[in-house]
């Protein structure tokens, strides 16, 4: 799964926020540009992380839940 995330080039919110902050401080990025990057990445990481965690948690207890 992590290979697919890396191969797809999907950004991670923590690494992306650090990079965006550096660009903001250096003046190479505006606030609107930063928010245009951070908000979609945050939403995607939240939904993707929740789905990944739910799938892993279900896989761990699947035999106990299903008859």
Protein backbone atom coordinates (compact mmCIF):
# COMPACT_ATOMS: atom_id res chain seq x y z
CA UNK A 1 0.00 0.00 0.00
CA UNK A 2 2.76 2.45 0.87
CA UNK A 3 4.38 1.65 -2.46
CA UNK A 4 1.21 2.74 -4.27
CA UNK A 5 1.12 6.00 -2.33
CA UNK A 6 4.75 6.70 -3.21
CA UNK A 7 4.43 5.59 -6.82
CA UNK A 8 1.29 7.72 -7.23
CA UNK A 9 3.16 10.78 -6.00
CA UNK A 10 0.57 11.54 -3.33
CA UNK A 11 1.90 14.11 -0.83
CA UNK A 12 1.90 13.60 2.92
CA UNK A 13 0.43 16.35 5.07
CA UNK A 14 3.33 16.58 7.55
CA UNK A 15 6.11 16.69 4.96
CA UNK A 16 4.03 18.96 2.74
CA UNK A 17 3.31 21.38 5.57
CA UNK A 18 7.00 21.68 6.40
CA UNK A 19 7.86 22.38 2.77
CA UNK A 20 4.97 24.83 2.40
CA UNK A 21 6.02 26.68 5.56
CA UNK A 22 9.56 27.06 4.24
CA UNK A 23 8.20 28.41 0.95
CA UNK A 24 5.91 30.84 2.80
CA UNK A 25 8.73 32.15 4.98
CA UNK A 26 11.05 32.55 2.00
CA UNK A 27 8.35 34.45 0.08
CA UNK A 28 8.15 31.94 -2.78
CA UNK A 29 4.57 30.96 -1.87
CA UNK A 30 1.54 33.04 -0.98
CA UNK A 31 -1.04 32.18 1.66
CA UNK A 32 -3.63 31.27 -0.98
CA UNK A 33 -1.13 28.93 -2.67
CA UNK A 34 -0.32 27.31 0.67
CA UNK A 35 -3.97 26.75 1.53
CA UNK A 36 -4.61 25.46 -1.99
CA UNK A 37 -2.01 22.79 -1.31
CA UNK A 38 -2.60 22.03 2.37
CA UNK A 39 -6.41 21.70 2.45
CA UNK A 40 -6.78 19.05 -0.29
CA UNK A 41 -3.82 17.10 1.08
CA UNK A 42 -5.25 17.23 4.60
CA UNK A 43 -8.64 15.99 3.40
CA UNK A 44 -7.07 13.25 1.29
CA UNK A 45 -4.74 12.09 4.06
CA UNK A 46 -7.60 12.06 6.57
CA UNK A 47 -9.95 10.05 4.36
CA UNK A 48 -7.23 7.75 3.06
CA UNK A 49 -5.77 7.15 6.52
CA UNK A 50 -9.20 6.40 7.97
CA UNK A 51 -9.98 3.96 5.14
CA UNK A 52 -6.60 2.26 5.46
CA UNK A 53 -6.94 1.95 9.24
CA UNK A 54 -10.51 0.64 8.97
CA UNK A 55 -9.43 -1.96 6.44
CA UNK A 56 -6.50 -3.11 8.55
CA UNK A 57 -8.60 -3.22 11.72
CA UNK A 58 -11.33 -5.20 9.96
CA UNK A 59 -8.78 -7.62 8.53
CA UNK A 60 -7.44 -8.23 12.01
CA UNK A 61 -10.81 -9.17 13.53
CA UNK A 62 -12.60 -10.50 10.44
CA UNK A 63 -12.61 -14.14 11.58
CA UNK A 64 -14.01 -13.21 14.99
CA UNK A 65 -16.80 -11.01 13.57
CA UNK A 66 -18.04 -13.15 10.67
CA UNK A 67 -19.50 -16.59 11.46
